[in-house]
Amino acid sequence: MAIILRLDRVMADRKMSLKELSERVGVANVNLSKLKTGKVNAIRFSTLEAICDVLDCQPGDILEYKRDEEE
């Protein structure tokens, strides 16, 4: 996967649990868990915006693009 999710790192830096983030963002805990573990194919901009607002971060702090190396 070329997109790397860093939500767990940002949450750890902010000392915020998944439960607290879920409550403050207004997204189901299970959906944030899937996002945290990279088991999603898409994220709504409104959800990304809410996560960034609660964690006081930029989208680039959570998402990283890594080009696949050709073999």
C-alpha atoms as a PDB file:
ATOM      1  CA  MET A   1       0.000   0.000   0.000  1.00  0.00           C
ATOM      2  CA  ALA A   2       1.402   3.372  -1.002  1.00  0.00           C
ATOM      3  CA  ILE A   3      -0.475   5.342   1.683  1.00  0.00           C
ATOM      4  CA  ILE A   4       0.866   4.884   5.208  1.00  0.00           C
ATOM      5  CA  LEU A   5      -1.379   5.775   8.137  1.00  0.00           C
ATOM      6  CA  ARG A   6       0.260   7.369  11.166  1.00  0.00           C
ATOM      7  CA  LEU A   7      -2.851   7.906  13.271  1.00  0.00           C
ATOM      8  CA  ASP A   8      -1.548   5.677  16.070  1.00  0.00           C
ATOM      9  CA  ARG A   9       1.653   7.724  16.357  1.00  0.00           C
ATOM     10  CA  VAL A  10      -0.199  11.048  16.475  1.00  0.00           C
ATOM     11  CA  MET A  11      -2.633   9.686  19.056  1.00  0.00           C
ATOM     12  CA  ALA A  12       0.274   8.454  21.197  1.00  0.00           C
ATOM     13  CA  ASP A  13       1.977  11.846  20.943  1.00  0.00           C
ATOM     14  CA  ARG A  14      -1.243  13.477  22.187  1.00  0.00           C
ATOM     15  CA  LYS A  15      -1.786  10.749  24.823  1.00  0.00           C
ATOM     16  CA  MET A  16      -5.276  10.162  23.481  1.00  0.00           C
ATOM     17  CA  SER A  17      -7.072   6.827  23.516  1.00  0.00           C
ATOM     18  CA  LEU A  18      -9.091   5.490  20.619  1.00  0.00           C
ATOM     19  CA  LYS A  19     -12.222   5.737  22.762  1.00  0.00           C
ATOM     20  CA  GLU A  20     -11.628   9.410  23.557  1.00  0.00           C
ATOM     21  CA  LEU A  21     -10.849  10.259  19.927  1.00  0.00           C
ATOM     22  CA  SER A  22     -13.959   8.387  18.803  1.00  0.00           C
ATOM     23  CA  GLU A  23     -16.158  10.329  21.223  1.00  0.00           C
ATOM     24  CA  ARG A  24     -14.645  13.712  20.340  1.00  0.00           C
ATOM     25  CA  VAL A  25     -14.700  13.147  16.569  1.00  0.00           C
ATOM     26  CA  GLY A  26     -18.151  11.553  16.537  1.00  0.00           C
ATOM     27  CA  VAL A  27     -17.081   8.460  14.586  1.00  0.00           C
ATOM     28  CA  ALA A  28     -17.648   4.883  15.709  1.00  0.00           C
ATOM     29  CA  ASN A  29     -14.773   3.344  17.620  1.00  0.00           C
ATOM     30  CA  VAL A  30     -14.654   0.391  15.211  1.00  0.00           C
ATOM     31  CA  ASN A  31     -14.268   2.714  12.205  1.00  0.00           C
ATOM     32  CA  LEU A  32     -11.398   4.620  13.809  1.00  0.00           C
ATOM     33  CA  SER A  33      -9.809   1.310  14.753  1.00  0.00           C
ATOM     34  CA  LYS A  34      -9.894   0.226  11.103  1.00  0.00           C
ATOM     35  CA  LEU A  35      -8.386   3.552  10.093  1.00  0.00           C
ATOM     36  CA  LYS A  36      -5.684   3.239  12.739  1.00  0.00           C
ATOM     37  CA  THR A  37      -4.697  -0.237  11.534  1.00  0.00           C
ATOM     38  CA  GLY A  38      -4.848   0.673   7.844  1.00  0.00           C
ATOM     39  CA  LYS A  39      -7.786  -1.594   7.024  1.00  0.00           C
ATOM     40  CA  VAL A  40      -9.720   1.053   5.101  1.00  0.00           C
ATOM     41  CA  ASN A  41      -9.709   2.079   1.466  1.00  0.00           C
ATOM     42  CA  ALA A  42     -11.136   5.564   1.899  1.00  0.00           C
ATOM     43  CA  ILE A  43     -11.729   8.331   4.411  1.00  0.00           C
ATOM     44  CA  ARG A  44     -14.183  11.197   4.174  1.00  0.00           C
ATOM     45  CA  PHE A  45     -12.685  14.656   4.188  1.00  0.00           C
ATOM     46  CA  SER A  46     -15.127  15.618   6.949  1.00  0.00           C
ATOM     47  CA  THR A  47     -13.781  12.777   9.108  1.00  0.00           C
ATOM     48  CA  LEU A  48     -10.179  13.708   8.340  1.00  0.00           C
ATOM     49  CA  GLU A  49     -10.959  17.330   9.163  1.00  0.00           C
ATOM     50  CA  ALA A  50     -12.554  16.352  12.496  1.00  0.00           C
ATOM     51  CA  ILE A  51      -9.601  14.112  13.425  1.00  0.00           C
ATOM     52  CA  CYS A  52      -7.126  16.881  12.599  1.00  0.00           C
ATOM     53  CA  ASP A  53      -9.168  19.371  14.626  1.00  0.00           C
ATOM     54  CA  VAL A  54      -9.300  17.137  17.707  1.00  0.00           C
ATOM     55  CA  LEU A  55      -5.636  16.082  17.472  1.00  0.00           C
ATOM     56  CA  ASP A  56      -4.485  19.593  16.488  1.00  0.00           C
ATOM     57  CA  CYS A  57      -2.514  18.283  13.530  1.00  0.00           C
ATOM     58  CA  GLN A  58      -2.290  18.464   9.758  1.00  0.00           C
ATOM     59  CA  PRO A  59      -3.458  15.709   7.364  1.00  0.00           C
ATOM     60  CA  GLY A  60       0.199  15.122   6.491  1.00  0.00           C
ATOM     61  CA  ASP A  61       0.861  14.175  10.108  1.00  0.00           C
ATOM     62  CA  ILE A  62      -1.585  11.278   9.747  1.00  0.00           C
ATOM     63  CA  LEU A  63      -1.140  10.287   6.103  1.00  0.00           C
ATOM     64  CA  GLU A  64       2.082   9.625   4.228  1.00  0.00           C
ATOM     65  CA  TYR A  65       2.563   8.669   0.601  1.00  0.00           C
ATOM     66  CA  LYS A  66       5.350   6.243  -0.182  1.00  0.00           C
ATOM     67  CA  ARG A  67       6.039   5.367  -3.779  1.00  0.00           C
ATOM     68  CA  ASP A  68       6.114   1.627  -4.445  1.00  0.00           C
ATOM     69  CA  GLU A  69       9.576   0.528  -5.485  1.00  0.00           C
ATOM     70  CA  GLU A  70       9.743  -1.160  -8.849  1.00  0.00           C
ATOM     71  CA  GLU A  71      11.520  -4.467  -8.933  1.00  0.00           C
END
